[in-house]
Amino acid sequence: MNAVASQQTRHIPITSGLARGAFGGLIGGMAMAMFSMLVAISEDGFWAPVRGITSVVFGDEHYGGGFEFWPVVVGAMGHMMNSVVLGAVFALVAAALLARASTALVIGAGMAFGLMVWLVMVPGVAAQAQSSELFVDSVPAWAWIAGHLMFGAITAAVFALGRRSD
C-alpha cells in the first residue's frame, strides 16, 4: 500500500474487528432479549419471545409465555447465536465502510442495521416460516422495532469503542 492510501484509510485488524462485533452482538442480543421479555409480560408472557423463536423452527406447540426448559433453551441459544453472527457481519461492513467514521455515525449505522435485521427476520423469515403469527405477535410491533434499534446501537457502540484500542 502506498503512503497516500495508508493516510486515507484506517486499518482495522479483521480478527479484532470480528471479535468486537461478535461480542457487541452478544451484548446487544442480550439487551434486546431482556427488553422483549419484559414487554411480553403484558402480552403472552415473559418467556413468549424466546419460546417463539423455537416455535418458528419446530412448530406452534412450542410457543407460550410460561417456562418450559427445552423451548426456552433452544430459543435463547438460537437468538444469541444469531446475535453473535449478525454482530460479526456488522463489524465486517463497518470495518470496510466506516473505518474513519465518528462513533455517532457508526452507532447510527448500527441502528439502521438493526432495522434491516428486523425487516428480514420478523416480518420476513418468521412471519413466512410459521403457520400462525404467534411469534410475530408475541410483543407489539413498536417493541420489535425498539428492540432491534437497541441491538444495532449496542452492537455498533461496542465495535466503535473498541476501535480506540486498535
N, C-alpha and C. Protein backbone atom coordinates (compact mmCIF):
# COMPACT_ATOMS: atom_id res chain seq x y z
N MET A 1 0.86 -1.17 0.00
CA MET A 1 0.00 0.00 0.00
C MET A 1 0.90 1.23 0.00
N ASN A 2 0.54 2.22 -0.80
CA ASN A 2 1.37 3.41 -0.87
C ASN A 2 1.04 4.37 0.28
N ALA A 3 1.85 5.38 0.45
CA ALA A 3 1.69 6.32 1.57
C ALA A 3 0.38 7.08 1.51
N VAL A 4 -0.08 7.43 0.32
CA VAL A 4 -1.33 8.17 0.20
C VAL A 4 -2.51 7.31 0.65
N ALA A 5 -2.54 6.07 0.18
CA ALA A 5 -3.64 5.18 0.57
C ALA A 5 -3.63 4.91 2.06
N SER A 6 -2.46 4.76 2.65
CA SER A 6 -2.42 4.45 4.08
C SER A 6 -2.87 5.64 4.92
N GLN A 7 -2.75 6.87 4.41
CA GLN A 7 -3.21 8.03 5.15
C GLN A 7 -4.71 8.23 5.01
N GLN A 8 -5.31 7.70 3.97
CA GLN A 8 -6.74 7.92 3.74
C GLN A 8 -7.62 6.87 4.39
N THR A 9 -7.09 5.72 4.70
CA THR A 9 -7.89 4.67 5.30
C THR A 9 -7.28 4.25 6.62
N ARG A 10 -8.11 3.71 7.46
CA ARG A 10 -7.66 3.21 8.74
C ARG A 10 -7.76 1.70 8.72
N HIS A 11 -6.70 1.03 9.03
CA HIS A 11 -6.68 -0.42 9.00
C HIS A 11 -7.18 -0.95 10.35
N ILE A 12 -8.22 -1.80 10.29
CA ILE A 12 -8.71 -2.47 11.49
C ILE A 12 -8.45 -3.95 11.31
N PRO A 13 -7.66 -4.55 12.20
CA PRO A 13 -7.38 -5.99 12.05
C PRO A 13 -8.69 -6.79 12.02
N ILE A 14 -8.80 -7.68 11.06
CA ILE A 14 -10.03 -8.44 10.86
C ILE A 14 -10.41 -9.22 12.12
N THR A 15 -9.47 -9.93 12.72
CA THR A 15 -9.82 -10.76 13.88
C THR A 15 -10.29 -9.90 15.04
N SER A 16 -9.66 -8.78 15.26
CA SER A 16 -10.06 -7.88 16.34
C SER A 16 -11.45 -7.30 16.06
N GLY A 17 -11.69 -6.86 14.84
CA GLY A 17 -12.98 -6.31 14.48
C GLY A 17 -14.10 -7.33 14.56
N LEU A 18 -13.83 -8.55 14.08
CA LEU A 18 -14.84 -9.61 14.15
C LEU A 18 -15.16 -9.97 15.60
N ALA A 19 -14.14 -10.07 16.42
CA ALA A 19 -14.35 -10.41 17.83
C ALA A 19 -15.17 -9.32 18.52
N ARG A 20 -14.84 -8.07 18.24
CA ARG A 20 -15.61 -6.96 18.84
C ARG A 20 -17.04 -6.96 18.34
N GLY A 21 -17.22 -7.21 17.05
CA GLY A 21 -18.56 -7.27 16.50
C GLY A 21 -19.37 -8.41 17.10
N ALA A 22 -18.75 -9.58 17.21
CA ALA A 22 -19.45 -10.73 17.80
C ALA A 22 -19.79 -10.46 19.26
N PHE A 23 -18.85 -9.88 20.00
CA PHE A 23 -19.11 -9.56 21.41
C PHE A 23 -20.20 -8.49 21.52
N GLY A 24 -20.13 -7.49 20.66
CA GLY A 24 -21.17 -6.45 20.64
C GLY A 24 -22.52 -7.05 20.32
N GLY A 25 -22.57 -7.99 19.36
CA GLY A 25 -23.81 -8.67 19.03
C GLY A 25 -24.35 -9.47 20.20
N LEU A 26 -23.45 -10.11 20.93
CA LEU A 26 -23.86 -10.86 22.12
C LEU A 26 -24.49 -9.95 23.17
N ILE A 27 -23.84 -8.83 23.45
CA ILE A 27 -24.36 -7.88 24.44
C ILE A 27 -25.67 -7.24 23.93
N GLY A 28 -25.67 -6.83 22.66
CA GLY A 28 -26.88 -6.24 22.07
C GLY A 28 -28.03 -7.23 22.04
N GLY A 29 -27.74 -8.49 21.72
CA GLY A 29 -28.78 -9.52 21.70
C GLY A 29 -29.34 -9.80 23.09
N MET A 30 -28.47 -9.77 24.10
CA MET A 30 -28.95 -9.98 25.47
C MET A 30 -29.86 -8.83 25.90
N ALA A 31 -29.45 -7.61 25.59
CA ALA A 31 -30.27 -6.44 25.95
C ALA A 31 -31.62 -6.50 25.23
N MET A 32 -31.59 -6.84 23.96
CA MET A 32 -32.83 -6.92 23.19
C MET A 32 -33.74 -8.01 23.74
N ALA A 33 -33.18 -9.16 24.08
CA ALA A 33 -33.98 -10.26 24.63
C ALA A 33 -34.61 -9.86 25.96
N MET A 34 -33.82 -9.24 26.83
CA MET A 34 -34.38 -8.82 28.13
C MET A 34 -35.50 -7.80 27.93
N PHE A 35 -35.29 -6.84 27.06
CA PHE A 35 -36.31 -5.85 26.77
C PHE A 35 -37.59 -6.52 26.25
N SER A 36 -37.44 -7.41 25.27
CA SER A 36 -38.60 -8.08 24.68
C SER A 36 -39.34 -8.92 25.70
N MET A 37 -38.61 -9.60 26.56
CA MET A 37 -39.23 -10.44 27.56
C MET A 37 -39.99 -9.60 28.59
N LEU A 38 -39.46 -8.44 28.94
CA LEU A 38 -40.17 -7.56 29.87
C LEU A 38 -41.45 -7.02 29.23
N VAL A 39 -41.37 -6.62 27.97
CA VAL A 39 -42.57 -6.15 27.27
C VAL A 39 -43.59 -7.28 27.15
N ALA A 40 -43.12 -8.50 26.92
CA ALA A 40 -44.02 -9.64 26.72
C ALA A 40 -44.82 -10.00 27.96
N ILE A 41 -44.40 -9.53 29.13
CA ILE A 41 -45.16 -9.81 30.35
C ILE A 41 -46.60 -9.35 30.19
N SER A 42 -46.80 -8.21 29.54
CA SER A 42 -48.16 -7.69 29.36
C SER A 42 -48.85 -8.27 28.13
N GLU A 43 -48.18 -9.12 27.41
CA GLU A 43 -48.75 -9.73 26.20
C GLU A 43 -49.00 -11.22 26.49
N ASP A 44 -48.20 -12.10 25.90
CA ASP A 44 -48.38 -13.55 26.05
C ASP A 44 -47.59 -14.16 27.19
N GLY A 45 -46.77 -13.38 27.87
CA GLY A 45 -46.00 -13.89 28.99
C GLY A 45 -44.50 -13.72 28.79
N PHE A 46 -43.79 -13.69 29.88
CA PHE A 46 -42.36 -13.40 29.92
C PHE A 46 -41.54 -14.24 28.94
N TRP A 47 -41.81 -15.53 28.85
CA TRP A 47 -40.98 -16.42 28.04
C TRP A 47 -41.41 -16.48 26.57
N ALA A 48 -42.47 -15.77 26.20
CA ALA A 48 -43.01 -15.86 24.84
C ALA A 48 -42.00 -15.52 23.75
N PRO A 49 -41.18 -14.47 23.88
CA PRO A 49 -40.24 -14.19 22.77
C PRO A 49 -39.23 -15.31 22.51
N VAL A 50 -38.64 -15.88 23.56
CA VAL A 50 -37.64 -16.94 23.30
C VAL A 50 -38.31 -18.24 22.89
N ARG A 51 -39.46 -18.53 23.46
CA ARG A 51 -40.19 -19.74 23.03
C ARG A 51 -40.73 -19.54 21.61
N GLY A 52 -41.01 -18.29 21.26
CA GLY A 52 -41.46 -18.01 19.90
C GLY A 52 -40.42 -18.34 18.86
N ILE A 53 -39.15 -18.10 19.19
CA ILE A 53 -38.07 -18.45 18.26
C ILE A 53 -38.08 -19.95 18.00
N THR A 54 -38.23 -20.72 19.07
CA THR A 54 -38.30 -22.18 18.93
C THR A 54 -39.50 -22.58 18.10
N SER A 55 -40.63 -21.92 18.31
CA SER A 55 -41.85 -22.30 17.59
C SER A 55 -41.77 -22.01 16.10
N VAL A 56 -40.98 -21.02 15.70
CA VAL A 56 -40.82 -20.74 14.28
C VAL A 56 -40.16 -21.93 13.58
N VAL A 57 -39.19 -22.55 14.26
CA VAL A 57 -38.44 -23.65 13.66
C VAL A 57 -39.13 -25.00 13.89
N PHE A 58 -39.63 -25.23 15.12
CA PHE A 58 -40.11 -26.56 15.48
C PHE A 58 -41.63 -26.69 15.62
N GLY A 59 -42.38 -25.61 15.39
CA GLY A 59 -43.83 -25.71 15.40
C GLY A 59 -44.50 -24.93 16.52
N ASP A 60 -45.76 -24.59 16.27
CA ASP A 60 -46.54 -23.75 17.19
C ASP A 60 -46.69 -24.34 18.59
N GLU A 61 -46.63 -25.64 18.71
CA GLU A 61 -46.82 -26.26 20.04
C GLU A 61 -45.73 -25.88 21.04
N HIS A 62 -44.63 -25.32 20.57
CA HIS A 62 -43.55 -24.89 21.46
C HIS A 62 -43.71 -23.46 21.95
N TYR A 63 -44.76 -22.79 21.49
CA TYR A 63 -44.98 -21.39 21.85
C TYR A 63 -45.71 -21.30 23.19
N GLY A 64 -45.45 -20.23 23.91
CA GLY A 64 -46.18 -19.95 25.14
C GLY A 64 -45.42 -19.00 26.03
N GLY A 65 -46.11 -18.44 27.00
CA GLY A 65 -45.49 -17.47 27.89
C GLY A 65 -44.90 -18.07 29.14
N GLY A 66 -45.24 -19.34 29.42
CA GLY A 66 -44.72 -20.00 30.62
C GLY A 66 -43.37 -20.64 30.35
N PHE A 67 -42.69 -21.02 31.43
CA PHE A 67 -41.37 -21.62 31.30
C PHE A 67 -41.50 -23.10 30.97
N GLU A 68 -40.82 -23.51 29.90
CA GLU A 68 -40.61 -24.90 29.55
C GLU A 68 -39.15 -24.99 29.15
N PHE A 69 -38.41 -25.86 29.80
CA PHE A 69 -36.95 -25.87 29.68
C PHE A 69 -36.46 -25.88 28.23
N TRP A 70 -36.78 -26.90 27.44
CA TRP A 70 -36.18 -27.02 26.11
C TRP A 70 -36.60 -25.91 25.16
N PRO A 71 -37.87 -25.54 25.08
CA PRO A 71 -38.20 -24.42 24.20
C PRO A 71 -37.50 -23.11 24.59
N VAL A 72 -37.33 -22.87 25.88
CA VAL A 72 -36.64 -21.66 26.33
C VAL A 72 -35.15 -21.74 25.98
N VAL A 73 -34.52 -22.86 26.26
CA VAL A 73 -33.08 -23.01 25.99
C VAL A 73 -32.80 -22.93 24.49
N VAL A 74 -33.57 -23.65 23.70
CA VAL A 74 -33.35 -23.65 22.24
C VAL A 74 -33.59 -22.25 21.67
N GLY A 75 -34.65 -21.58 22.10
CA GLY A 75 -34.93 -20.23 21.61
C GLY A 75 -33.86 -19.23 22.02
N ALA A 76 -33.41 -19.31 23.27
CA ALA A 76 -32.36 -18.40 23.74
C ALA A 76 -31.05 -18.65 23.00
N MET A 77 -30.71 -19.93 22.81
CA MET A 77 -29.47 -20.24 22.07
C MET A 77 -29.56 -19.76 20.63
N GLY A 78 -30.69 -19.97 19.99
CA GLY A 78 -30.85 -19.51 18.61
C GLY A 78 -30.73 -18.01 18.51
N HIS A 79 -31.37 -17.30 19.45
CA HIS A 79 -31.30 -15.84 19.44
C HIS A 79 -29.87 -15.35 19.65
N MET A 80 -29.17 -15.93 20.59
CA MET A 80 -27.82 -15.47 20.89
C MET A 80 -26.84 -15.83 19.76
N MET A 81 -27.01 -17.01 19.15
CA MET A 81 -26.15 -17.36 18.02
C MET A 81 -26.37 -16.40 16.86
N ASN A 82 -27.63 -16.09 16.57
CA ASN A 82 -27.92 -15.10 15.52
C ASN A 82 -27.30 -13.75 15.87
N SER A 83 -27.41 -13.36 17.12
CA SER A 83 -26.87 -12.06 17.55
C SER A 83 -25.36 -11.99 17.36
N VAL A 84 -24.67 -13.06 17.71
CA VAL A 84 -23.21 -13.09 17.55
C VAL A 84 -22.83 -13.03 16.07
N VAL A 85 -23.49 -13.83 15.24
CA VAL A 85 -23.19 -13.84 13.80
C VAL A 85 -23.51 -12.49 13.18
N LEU A 86 -24.67 -11.93 13.52
CA LEU A 86 -25.04 -10.62 12.96
C LEU A 86 -24.11 -9.52 13.45
N GLY A 87 -23.64 -9.62 14.69
CA GLY A 87 -22.66 -8.65 15.19
C GLY A 87 -21.36 -8.72 14.39
N ALA A 88 -20.92 -9.92 14.06
CA ALA A 88 -19.72 -10.08 13.24
C ALA A 88 -19.94 -9.55 11.82
N VAL A 89 -21.13 -9.77 11.27
CA VAL A 89 -21.45 -9.22 9.95
C VAL A 89 -21.39 -7.70 9.99
N PHE A 90 -21.99 -7.11 11.04
CA PHE A 90 -21.94 -5.66 11.16
C PHE A 90 -20.48 -5.19 11.22
N ALA A 91 -19.65 -5.89 11.97
CA ALA A 91 -18.24 -5.49 12.10
C ALA A 91 -17.53 -5.52 10.75
N LEU A 92 -17.80 -6.54 9.95
CA LEU A 92 -17.18 -6.61 8.62
C LEU A 92 -17.58 -5.42 7.76
N VAL A 93 -18.87 -5.11 7.77
CA VAL A 93 -19.37 -3.98 6.98
C VAL A 93 -18.81 -2.66 7.52
N ALA A 94 -18.86 -2.50 8.84
CA ALA A 94 -18.38 -1.26 9.45
C ALA A 94 -16.88 -1.06 9.24
N ALA A 95 -16.11 -2.13 9.35
CA ALA A 95 -14.66 -2.02 9.14
C ALA A 95 -14.35 -1.60 7.71
N ALA A 96 -15.15 -2.07 6.77
CA ALA A 96 -14.91 -1.74 5.36
C ALA A 96 -15.40 -0.35 5.00
N LEU A 97 -16.56 0.04 5.55
CA LEU A 97 -17.19 1.29 5.10
C LEU A 97 -17.09 2.45 6.09
N LEU A 98 -16.88 2.14 7.36
CA LEU A 98 -16.95 3.19 8.38
C LEU A 98 -15.69 3.29 9.24
N ALA A 99 -14.56 2.87 8.68
CA ALA A 99 -13.33 2.83 9.47
C ALA A 99 -12.94 4.19 10.03
N ARG A 100 -13.23 5.26 9.31
CA ARG A 100 -12.83 6.60 9.77
C ARG A 100 -14.03 7.41 10.25
N ALA A 101 -15.18 6.79 10.36
CA ALA A 101 -16.40 7.49 10.76
C ALA A 101 -16.40 7.76 12.26
N SER A 102 -17.15 8.78 12.65
CA SER A 102 -17.29 9.09 14.08
C SER A 102 -18.07 7.98 14.77
N THR A 103 -17.93 7.93 16.08
CA THR A 103 -18.66 6.94 16.87
C THR A 103 -20.16 7.13 16.68
N ALA A 104 -20.62 8.37 16.65
CA ALA A 104 -22.05 8.64 16.47
C ALA A 104 -22.55 8.08 15.13
N LEU A 105 -21.76 8.25 14.07
CA LEU A 105 -22.15 7.73 12.77
C LEU A 105 -22.18 6.21 12.76
N VAL A 106 -21.21 5.59 13.41
CA VAL A 106 -21.17 4.13 13.50
C VAL A 106 -22.40 3.62 14.26
N ILE A 107 -22.76 4.28 15.34
CA ILE A 107 -23.94 3.87 16.11
C ILE A 107 -25.21 4.06 15.28
N GLY A 108 -25.30 5.17 14.56
CA GLY A 108 -26.44 5.38 13.66
C GLY A 108 -26.52 4.29 12.60
N ALA A 109 -25.38 3.91 12.05
CA ALA A 109 -25.34 2.82 11.07
C ALA A 109 -25.76 1.51 11.72
N GLY A 110 -25.36 1.32 12.97
CA GLY A 110 -25.77 0.11 13.70
C GLY A 110 -27.28 0.06 13.90
N MET A 111 -27.88 1.21 14.18
CA MET A 111 -29.33 1.25 14.34
C MET A 111 -30.02 0.94 13.01
N ALA A 112 -29.49 1.46 11.92
CA ALA A 112 -30.05 1.15 10.60
C ALA A 112 -29.89 -0.35 10.31
N PHE A 113 -28.76 -0.90 10.69
CA PHE A 113 -28.51 -2.34 10.53
C PHE A 113 -29.55 -3.13 11.34
N GLY A 114 -29.81 -2.69 12.58
CA GLY A 114 -30.81 -3.34 13.42
C GLY A 114 -32.18 -3.34 12.77
N LEU A 115 -32.56 -2.22 12.16
CA LEU A 115 -33.85 -2.16 11.46
C LEU A 115 -33.88 -3.11 10.27
N MET A 116 -32.76 -3.21 9.55
CA MET A 116 -32.72 -4.16 8.42
C MET A 116 -32.85 -5.59 8.92
N VAL A 117 -32.20 -5.89 10.04
CA VAL A 117 -32.32 -7.23 10.63
C VAL A 117 -33.78 -7.50 10.98
N TRP A 118 -34.45 -6.52 11.60
CA TRP A 118 -35.87 -6.69 11.94
C TRP A 118 -36.69 -6.98 10.70
N LEU A 119 -36.49 -6.19 9.63
CA LEU A 119 -37.27 -6.38 8.41
C LEU A 119 -37.08 -7.78 7.82
N VAL A 120 -35.87 -8.26 7.86
CA VAL A 120 -35.60 -9.58 7.30
C VAL A 120 -36.12 -10.68 8.22
N MET A 121 -35.84 -10.57 9.51
CA MET A 121 -36.13 -11.67 10.43
C MET A 121 -37.58 -11.76 10.89
N VAL A 122 -38.21 -10.64 11.22
CA VAL A 122 -39.55 -10.72 11.82
C VAL A 122 -40.65 -10.72 10.75
N PRO A 123 -40.88 -9.61 10.02
CA PRO A 123 -41.92 -9.70 9.00
C PRO A 123 -41.53 -10.59 7.83
N GLY A 124 -40.25 -10.82 7.66
CA GLY A 124 -39.78 -11.66 6.56
C GLY A 124 -39.76 -13.13 6.92
N VAL A 125 -38.68 -13.58 7.53
CA VAL A 125 -38.47 -15.01 7.81
C VAL A 125 -39.50 -15.57 8.78
N ALA A 126 -39.64 -14.97 9.95
CA ALA A 126 -40.53 -15.54 10.98
C ALA A 126 -41.98 -15.57 10.53
N ALA A 127 -42.45 -14.49 9.96
CA ALA A 127 -43.86 -14.44 9.54
C ALA A 127 -44.15 -15.43 8.42
N GLN A 128 -43.17 -15.69 7.58
CA GLN A 128 -43.37 -16.63 6.48
C GLN A 128 -43.16 -18.08 6.89
N ALA A 129 -42.28 -18.31 7.88
CA ALA A 129 -41.93 -19.68 8.27
C ALA A 129 -42.97 -20.30 9.20
N GLN A 130 -43.69 -19.48 9.93
CA GLN A 130 -44.63 -20.00 10.91
C GLN A 130 -46.04 -20.00 10.34
N SER A 131 -46.78 -21.08 10.60
CA SER A 131 -48.13 -21.18 10.06
C SER A 131 -49.07 -20.15 10.69
N SER A 132 -48.78 -19.76 11.92
CA SER A 132 -49.55 -18.69 12.57
C SER A 132 -48.60 -17.53 12.83
N GLU A 133 -49.10 -16.47 13.37
CA GLU A 133 -48.22 -15.34 13.68
C GLU A 133 -47.97 -15.23 15.18
N LEU A 134 -47.90 -16.37 15.85
CA LEU A 134 -47.68 -16.37 17.31
C LEU A 134 -46.43 -15.60 17.69
N PHE A 135 -45.31 -15.95 17.06
CA PHE A 135 -44.04 -15.31 17.40
C PHE A 135 -44.05 -13.83 17.05
N VAL A 136 -44.52 -13.51 15.87
CA VAL A 136 -44.55 -12.11 15.42
C VAL A 136 -45.40 -11.27 16.37
N ASP A 137 -46.48 -11.84 16.89
CA ASP A 137 -47.38 -11.12 17.78
C ASP A 137 -47.02 -11.26 19.26
N SER A 138 -45.89 -11.89 19.59
CA SER A 138 -45.53 -12.09 20.99
C SER A 138 -45.23 -10.78 21.71
N VAL A 139 -44.83 -9.77 20.97
CA VAL A 139 -44.68 -8.40 21.50
C VAL A 139 -45.24 -7.45 20.43
N PRO A 140 -45.68 -6.26 20.84
CA PRO A 140 -46.20 -5.30 19.85
C PRO A 140 -45.12 -4.89 18.84
N ALA A 141 -45.57 -4.42 17.68
CA ALA A 141 -44.63 -4.02 16.62
C ALA A 141 -43.63 -2.98 17.11
N TRP A 142 -44.07 -2.02 17.92
CA TRP A 142 -43.16 -0.98 18.41
C TRP A 142 -42.02 -1.60 19.21
N ALA A 143 -42.31 -2.68 19.94
CA ALA A 143 -41.27 -3.31 20.76
C ALA A 143 -40.26 -4.07 19.90
N TRP A 144 -40.74 -4.68 18.81
CA TRP A 144 -39.81 -5.32 17.87
C TRP A 144 -38.84 -4.29 17.31
N ILE A 145 -39.41 -3.17 16.89
CA ILE A 145 -38.58 -2.12 16.28
C ILE A 145 -37.62 -1.55 17.31
N ALA A 146 -38.12 -1.20 18.49
CA ALA A 146 -37.26 -0.65 19.55
C ALA A 146 -36.17 -1.64 19.94
N GLY A 147 -36.52 -2.91 20.06
CA GLY A 147 -35.52 -3.92 20.43
C GLY A 147 -34.43 -4.06 19.39
N HIS A 148 -34.79 -4.01 18.12
CA HIS A 148 -33.79 -4.13 17.07
C HIS A 148 -32.94 -2.85 16.94
N LEU A 149 -33.54 -1.71 17.19
CA LEU A 149 -32.74 -0.47 17.25
C LEU A 149 -31.72 -0.56 18.38
N MET A 150 -32.18 -1.08 19.52
CA MET A 150 -31.30 -1.27 20.68
C MET A 150 -30.17 -2.24 20.35
N PHE A 151 -30.51 -3.36 19.72
CA PHE A 151 -29.50 -4.33 19.31
C PHE A 151 -28.44 -3.67 18.43
N GLY A 152 -28.89 -2.94 17.41
CA GLY A 152 -27.95 -2.30 16.49
C GLY A 152 -27.09 -1.26 17.16
N ALA A 153 -27.69 -0.45 18.03
CA ALA A 153 -26.94 0.62 18.71
C ALA A 153 -25.87 0.03 19.63
N ILE A 154 -26.23 -0.99 20.40
CA ILE A 154 -25.27 -1.58 21.34
C ILE A 154 -24.17 -2.32 20.59
N THR A 155 -24.54 -3.08 19.58
CA THR A 155 -23.55 -3.79 18.77
C THR A 155 -22.54 -2.80 18.18
N ALA A 156 -23.05 -1.72 17.61
CA ALA A 156 -22.19 -0.71 16.99
C ALA A 156 -21.35 0.02 18.03
N ALA A 157 -21.92 0.32 19.19
CA ALA A 157 -21.17 1.03 20.23
C ALA A 157 -19.98 0.20 20.71
N VAL A 158 -20.20 -1.10 20.92
CA VAL A 158 -19.09 -1.97 21.35
C VAL A 158 -18.02 -2.00 20.27
N PHE A 159 -18.44 -2.12 19.01
CA PHE A 159 -17.48 -2.12 17.90
C PHE A 159 -16.72 -0.80 17.86
N ALA A 160 -17.44 0.32 17.93
CA ALA A 160 -16.81 1.64 17.79
C ALA A 160 -15.89 1.96 18.96
N LEU A 161 -16.30 1.63 20.15
CA LEU A 161 -15.46 1.93 21.31
C LEU A 161 -14.17 1.12 21.31
N GLY A 162 -14.23 -0.07 20.75
CA GLY A 162 -13.03 -0.89 20.65
C GLY A 162 -12.04 -0.42 19.61
N ARG A 163 -12.50 0.41 18.68
CA ARG A 163 -11.57 0.91 17.65
C ARG A 163 -10.45 1.73 18.26
N ARG A 164 -10.72 2.35 19.38
CA ARG A 164 -9.71 3.20 20.01
C ARG A 164 -8.46 2.41 20.41
N SER A 165 -8.66 1.12 20.72
CA SER A 165 -7.51 0.32 21.16
C SER A 165 -6.77 -0.32 20.00
N ASP A 166 -7.34 -0.27 18.78
CA ASP A 166 -6.68 -0.86 17.62
C ASP A 166 -5.54 0.00 17.12
